[in-house]
Amino acid sequence: MFDAAVSELASRQQGLVSSAQLYRLGLTKRMVHTRLASGGWTLEGDGVYALPSWPESWWREVWRAYLATGPDRHVAVSHETAAAIHGMTNFPRGRIVLTTRHGDHHWHGLADMRQSTDLKPEHVHLRDGLPVTTPVRTLFDLAAVAGRERLAVAVEDAHITRQCRLEELIALYEELRRPGKHGMKKLGRILAERGPGYVPPESVLERMLLKILRNAGLPKPRLQAHLPWRSALPSRCDAIYDDQRIILEADGRRWHTRVDQMSNDRRRDREALNHGYRPYRFVYEELRHDPQLVIETIVEARAA
């Protein structure tokens, strides 16, 4: 009876169980030692046991660290690990980070341990049974450990995919920020630059284009703007200078090599010219390897 219950629990936790969970199921220390001695279980960490034949994986490492910390300690998977679980841009699976209450100095060497005085129950949700910080809380925490560009891209992409809207992050920032809290100035600048009504670029190519314009001291165009002459059939362009009636598009190598996409692009360009707008398309190679050409083209277009 006990072994069946343990097996069912472990199957939801990558083949792992904690001593506290075993005791709640009714097992005694003697029963646990008997199974270890017989080779039926293996000791995987501080009070963590494994059933045989479970393959090693990143998820198993996360569960091992979580169970070794102890589910009763109000612990949550956080920071870079939570970002990887949420699939946030530039945060691949790797580093394992857990957050516990302030003053909890539990240490087992299986993860980077962080403490928090403001991690609330609503900042954590279950992901396949594992407590993980929510996307908005994860972005807030990343401000303390991630570089500015890396954090900005994660914030923008989370907004685009509706995983965490800018308004949510701004609200949490206003609620929890305090003098001396690490990363708050950086996050504050990122949010201030993107302010109310901000439309983030929807691709790496668009970010490259914006970076080129910013480095050249050129004004920022309006992003993801509706084409004025297509009001009945909404359609967007990457960027537009309304005053000079200049349209800027950043073309990727994959999608824009398709014949049907190229045909559609040419049709849109002809429509733009017929309505008094000048379209300028820049491909990846130009944005990546010849930004000066891009700058000179746009400067000349604005001066024409």
Protein backbone atom coordinates (compact mmCIF):
# COMPACT_ATOMS: atom_id res chain seq x y z
CA MET A 1 0.00 0.00 0.00
CA PHE A 2 2.74 2.46 0.98
CA ASP A 3 4.86 1.68 -2.08
CA ALA A 4 1.95 2.29 -4.44
CA ALA A 5 1.24 5.69 -2.84
CA VAL A 6 4.93 6.66 -2.99
CA SER A 7 5.12 5.55 -6.63
CA GLU A 8 2.07 7.62 -7.56
CA LEU A 9 3.48 10.72 -5.84
CA ALA A 10 6.95 10.30 -7.32
CA SER A 11 5.51 9.93 -10.82
CA ARG A 12 4.36 13.56 -10.59
CA GLN A 13 7.76 14.76 -9.32
CA GLN A 14 10.26 13.31 -11.79
CA GLY A 15 10.62 10.14 -9.71
CA LEU A 16 11.52 12.02 -6.51
CA VAL A 17 9.96 12.34 -3.05
CA SER A 18 10.98 14.15 0.13
CA SER A 19 11.23 12.69 3.63
CA ALA A 20 8.45 15.06 4.81
CA GLN A 21 6.15 13.74 2.09
CA LEU A 22 6.96 10.14 3.01
CA TYR A 23 6.15 10.70 6.67
CA ARG A 24 2.85 12.31 5.71
CA LEU A 25 2.00 9.16 3.75
CA GLY A 26 2.53 7.16 6.95
CA LEU A 27 6.01 5.74 6.41
CA THR A 28 8.45 5.61 9.35
CA LYS A 29 12.19 6.28 9.37
CA ARG A 30 12.78 2.57 9.75
CA MET A 31 10.71 1.81 6.64
CA VAL A 32 12.64 4.43 4.67
CA HIS A 33 16.02 3.01 5.80
CA THR A 34 14.89 -0.51 4.86
CA ARG A 35 14.11 0.53 1.30
CA LEU A 36 17.40 2.39 0.98
CA ALA A 37 19.36 -0.59 2.31
CA SER A 38 17.67 -2.95 -0.17
CA GLY A 39 18.45 -0.67 -3.12
CA GLY A 40 14.79 -0.02 -3.84
CA TRP A 41 15.35 3.72 -3.36
CA THR A 42 18.40 5.98 -3.61
CA LEU A 43 19.31 9.05 -1.58
CA GLU A 44 19.39 12.06 -3.94
CA GLY A 45 19.95 14.96 -1.58
CA ASP A 46 19.11 16.37 1.82
CA GLY A 47 16.00 14.31 2.64
CA VAL A 48 15.25 13.53 -1.02
CA TYR A 49 14.78 9.99 -2.31
CA ALA A 50 14.46 8.60 -5.82
CA LEU A 51 12.75 5.61 -7.32
CA PRO A 52 14.86 3.65 -9.80
CA SER A 53 14.80 3.94 -13.61
CA TRP A 54 14.02 7.67 -13.86
CA PRO A 55 16.21 9.48 -16.44
CA GLU A 56 18.14 12.57 -15.43
CA SER A 57 16.90 15.90 -16.83
CA TRP A 58 16.83 19.62 -16.11
CA TRP A 59 13.30 19.30 -14.73
CA ARG A 60 14.50 16.55 -12.39
CA GLU A 61 17.28 18.83 -11.14
CA VAL A 62 14.72 21.56 -10.39
CA TRP A 63 12.47 19.15 -8.51
CA ARG A 64 15.44 17.76 -6.55
CA ALA A 65 16.47 21.23 -5.41
CA TYR A 66 12.88 22.17 -4.54
CA LEU A 67 12.25 19.01 -2.49
CA ALA A 68 15.62 19.33 -0.73
CA THR A 69 14.67 22.86 0.33
CA GLY A 70 11.35 21.61 1.64
CA PRO A 71 7.84 22.40 0.37
CA ASP A 72 6.88 23.49 3.89
CA ARG A 73 9.39 26.33 3.80
CA HIS A 74 7.36 28.59 1.44
CA VAL A 75 9.85 28.14 -1.38
CA ALA A 76 9.31 28.98 -5.04
CA VAL A 77 11.27 28.47 -8.25
CA SER A 78 12.29 31.96 -9.36
CA HIS A 79 14.57 34.28 -11.35
CA GLU A 80 16.35 32.67 -14.34
CA THR A 81 14.81 29.25 -13.68
CA ALA A 82 11.27 30.63 -13.64
CA ALA A 83 12.06 32.62 -16.80
CA ALA A 84 13.19 29.41 -18.54
CA ILE A 85 10.03 27.61 -17.42
CA HIS A 86 7.90 30.47 -18.80
CA GLY A 87 9.89 30.37 -22.05
CA MET A 88 11.09 33.98 -21.79
CA THR A 89 13.45 35.25 -24.48
CA ASN A 90 17.19 34.89 -23.73
CA PHE A 91 16.67 32.70 -20.66
CA PRO A 92 17.38 29.07 -21.61
CA ARG A 93 17.27 26.16 -19.19
CA GLY A 94 20.35 26.01 -17.03
CA ARG A 95 20.78 27.81 -13.76
CA ILE A 96 18.52 26.73 -10.87
CA VAL A 97 17.34 29.44 -8.49
CA LEU A 98 14.90 29.19 -5.57
CA THR A 99 13.49 31.93 -3.37
CA THR A 100 12.52 31.47 0.28
CA ARG A 101 11.39 33.78 3.05
CA HIS A 102 13.86 36.31 4.40
CA GLY A 103 15.83 34.76 7.25
CA ASP A 104 15.66 31.22 5.92
CA HIS A 105 19.29 30.19 5.53
CA HIS A 106 18.64 26.67 4.29
CA TRP A 107 21.49 25.61 2.01
CA HIS A 108 22.04 22.30 0.24
CA GLY A 109 24.20 23.20 -2.77
CA LEU A 110 21.61 22.09 -5.33
CA ALA A 111 20.49 25.61 -6.32
CA ASP A 112 21.22 29.28 -5.86
CA MET A 113 19.15 30.33 -2.86
CA ARG A 114 17.64 33.80 -2.59
CA GLN A 115 15.56 35.36 0.16
CA SER A 116 12.66 37.76 -0.14
CA THR A 117 10.59 39.92 2.19
CA ASP A 118 7.93 40.73 -0.40
CA LEU A 119 7.16 37.45 -2.18
CA LYS A 120 3.40 37.09 -1.74
CA PRO A 121 1.16 34.04 -2.40
CA GLU A 122 -0.34 35.78 -5.45
CA HIS A 123 3.17 36.05 -6.94
CA VAL A 124 3.43 32.24 -7.18
CA HIS A 125 1.43 29.69 -9.14
CA LEU A 126 1.74 25.96 -9.70
CA ARG A 127 3.35 24.68 -12.89
CA ASP A 128 2.87 20.92 -13.11
CA GLY A 129 2.77 20.83 -9.32
CA LEU A 130 5.87 22.99 -8.90
CA PRO A 131 5.51 26.45 -7.28
CA VAL A 132 6.92 28.97 -9.78
CA THR A 133 6.89 32.76 -9.64
CA THR A 134 4.37 34.28 -12.05
CA PRO A 135 5.65 35.92 -15.26
CA VAL A 136 5.21 39.45 -13.85
CA ARG A 137 7.01 38.57 -10.61
CA THR A 138 9.71 36.76 -12.56
CA LEU A 139 10.44 39.85 -14.68
CA PHE A 140 10.50 41.97 -11.52
CA ASP A 141 13.04 39.59 -9.93
CA LEU A 142 15.18 39.44 -13.08
CA ALA A 143 15.84 43.17 -12.78
CA ALA A 144 18.28 42.36 -9.96
CA VAL A 145 20.32 39.82 -11.91
CA ALA A 146 19.99 40.40 -15.68
CA GLY A 147 21.73 42.94 -17.88
CA ARG A 148 19.74 45.88 -19.19
CA GLU A 149 19.47 44.75 -22.82
CA ARG A 150 18.65 41.18 -21.87
CA LEU A 151 15.96 42.33 -19.45
CA ALA A 152 14.48 44.83 -21.93
CA VAL A 153 14.07 42.16 -24.61
CA ALA A 154 12.39 39.80 -22.12
CA VAL A 155 10.01 42.57 -21.02
CA GLU A 156 9.10 43.47 -24.60
CA ASP A 157 8.56 39.89 -25.74
CA ALA A 158 6.47 39.04 -22.67
CA HIS A 159 4.28 42.05 -23.52
CA ILE A 160 3.95 41.01 -27.16
CA THR A 161 2.95 37.44 -26.31
CA ARG A 162 0.56 38.73 -23.61
CA GLN A 163 2.41 36.68 -21.03
CA CYS A 164 2.91 39.82 -18.98
CA ARG A 165 1.60 43.18 -20.17
CA LEU A 166 3.65 46.27 -19.45
CA GLU A 167 0.79 47.64 -17.35
CA GLU A 168 1.05 44.63 -15.00
CA LEU A 169 4.80 45.05 -14.58
CA ILE A 170 4.47 48.80 -14.00
CA ALA A 171 1.85 48.16 -11.31
CA LEU A 172 4.06 45.62 -9.50
CA TYR A 173 7.07 47.92 -9.82
CA GLU A 174 5.15 50.78 -8.22
CA GLU A 175 3.94 48.46 -5.45
CA LEU A 176 7.24 46.83 -4.46
CA ARG A 177 10.03 49.23 -5.36
CA ARG A 178 11.96 50.78 -2.50
CA PRO A 179 15.22 52.72 -2.12
CA GLY A 180 18.23 50.47 -2.31
CA LYS A 181 16.46 47.48 -3.87
CA HIS A 182 18.82 46.12 -6.48
CA GLY A 183 17.79 46.51 -10.12
CA MET A 184 14.97 49.00 -9.54
CA LYS A 185 16.66 51.92 -11.32
CA LYS A 186 17.34 49.71 -14.33
CA LEU A 187 13.79 48.38 -14.46
CA GLY A 188 12.39 51.87 -13.89
CA ARG A 189 14.28 53.24 -16.90
CA ILE A 190 13.12 50.37 -19.10
CA LEU A 191 9.50 50.96 -18.12
CA ALA A 192 9.77 54.76 -18.40
CA GLU A 193 11.14 54.51 -21.95
CA ARG A 194 8.24 52.31 -22.90
CA GLY A 195 5.57 54.31 -21.03
CA PRO A 196 1.82 54.33 -21.65
CA GLY A 197 0.89 53.51 -25.23
CA TYR A 198 4.32 52.04 -26.00
CA VAL A 199 4.30 49.53 -28.85
CA PRO A 200 7.35 47.24 -28.64
CA PRO A 201 9.05 45.94 -31.77
CA GLU A 202 7.76 42.51 -32.79
CA SER A 203 11.01 40.98 -33.98
CA VAL A 204 14.76 40.99 -33.52
CA LEU A 205 15.11 42.73 -36.89
CA GLU A 206 12.91 45.61 -35.76
CA ARG A 207 15.00 45.96 -32.60
CA MET A 208 18.11 46.08 -34.76
CA LEU A 209 16.54 48.84 -36.88
CA LEU A 210 15.56 50.87 -33.80
CA LYS A 211 19.03 50.50 -32.31
CA ILE A 212 20.60 51.80 -35.54
CA LEU A 213 18.26 54.83 -35.55
CA ARG A 214 18.94 55.52 -31.87
CA ASN A 215 22.74 55.28 -32.27
CA ALA A 216 22.58 57.67 -35.23
CA GLY A 217 20.58 60.21 -33.23
CA LEU A 218 17.59 59.93 -35.57
CA PRO A 219 14.06 60.47 -34.25
CA LYS A 220 12.16 57.37 -33.19
CA PRO A 221 9.44 56.46 -35.72
CA ARG A 222 5.96 55.30 -34.79
CA LEU A 223 5.99 51.51 -34.47
CA GLN A 224 3.52 48.92 -35.70
CA ALA A 225 1.44 51.65 -37.31
CA HIS A 226 -1.71 51.00 -39.32
CA LEU A 227 -1.35 51.84 -43.01
CA PRO A 228 -3.50 55.00 -43.39
CA TRP A 229 -5.06 53.99 -46.68
CA ARG A 230 -6.15 50.55 -45.44
CA SER A 231 -8.65 51.64 -42.80
CA ALA A 232 -11.28 49.21 -44.10
CA LEU A 233 -8.77 46.32 -44.03
CA PRO A 234 -6.34 46.94 -41.12
CA SER A 235 -2.71 46.33 -42.02
CA ARG A 236 0.48 47.34 -40.24
CA CYS A 237 3.97 48.44 -41.17
CA ASP A 238 7.05 48.04 -38.97
CA ALA A 239 7.64 51.79 -38.54
CA ILE A 240 6.57 55.10 -40.04
CA TYR A 241 7.72 58.74 -40.00
CA ASP A 242 4.36 60.45 -40.31
CA ASP A 243 5.74 63.94 -40.95
CA GLN A 244 7.88 62.84 -43.93
CA ARG A 245 5.46 60.06 -44.98
CA ILE A 246 8.28 57.49 -44.86
CA ILE A 247 7.60 53.81 -44.20
CA LEU A 248 10.37 51.57 -42.84
CA GLU A 249 10.25 47.78 -43.03
CA ALA A 250 12.76 45.25 -41.63
CA ASP A 251 12.71 42.14 -43.81
CA GLY A 252 13.78 38.74 -42.49
CA ARG A 253 15.69 36.24 -44.60
CA ARG A 254 13.27 33.36 -44.02
CA TRP A 255 9.78 34.79 -44.57
CA HIS A 256 10.70 37.33 -47.21
CA THR A 257 12.33 34.81 -49.53
CA ARG A 258 8.93 33.22 -50.15
CA VAL A 259 7.47 34.20 -53.50
CA ASP A 260 4.00 34.94 -52.17
CA GLN A 261 5.40 37.16 -49.42
CA MET A 262 7.63 39.05 -51.87
CA SER A 263 4.66 39.61 -54.14
CA ASN A 264 2.59 40.94 -51.25
CA ASP A 265 5.44 43.26 -50.19
CA ARG A 266 5.72 44.72 -53.69
CA ARG A 267 1.97 45.26 -53.83
CA ARG A 268 2.07 47.09 -50.49
CA ASP A 269 4.97 49.23 -51.71
CA ARG A 270 3.06 50.24 -54.84
CA GLU A 271 0.04 51.13 -52.73
CA ALA A 272 2.24 53.26 -50.47
CA LEU A 273 3.67 55.16 -53.44
CA ASN A 274 0.21 55.72 -54.88
CA HIS A 275 -0.88 57.27 -51.58
CA GLY A 276 2.15 59.55 -51.28
CA TYR A 277 4.27 57.42 -48.93
CA ARG A 278 7.82 56.28 -49.61
CA PRO A 279 8.57 52.68 -48.48
CA TYR A 280 12.11 51.62 -47.55
CA ARG A 281 12.93 47.97 -46.89
CA PHE A 282 16.11 46.78 -45.18
CA VAL A 283 17.16 43.14 -45.15
CA TYR A 284 18.98 41.32 -42.37
CA GLU A 285 22.42 41.58 -44.01
CA GLU A 286 22.13 45.39 -44.20
CA LEU A 287 20.89 45.78 -40.64
CA ARG A 288 23.54 43.43 -39.29
CA HIS A 289 26.59 44.22 -41.39
CA ASP A 290 26.04 47.63 -43.00
CA PRO A 291 24.18 49.87 -40.53
CA GLN A 292 25.86 52.95 -42.05
CA LEU A 293 24.06 52.28 -45.34
CA VAL A 294 20.77 52.13 -43.45
CA ILE A 295 21.52 55.43 -41.69
CA GLU A 296 22.56 57.23 -44.88
CA THR A 297 19.48 55.99 -46.74
CA ILE A 298 17.08 57.18 -44.01
CA VAL A 299 18.87 60.52 -43.56
CA GLU A 300 18.66 61.17 -47.30
CA ALA A 301 15.03 60.10 -47.39
CA ARG A 302 14.12 62.47 -44.57
CA ALA A 303 15.97 65.32 -46.24
CA ALA A 304 14.45 64.73 -49.70
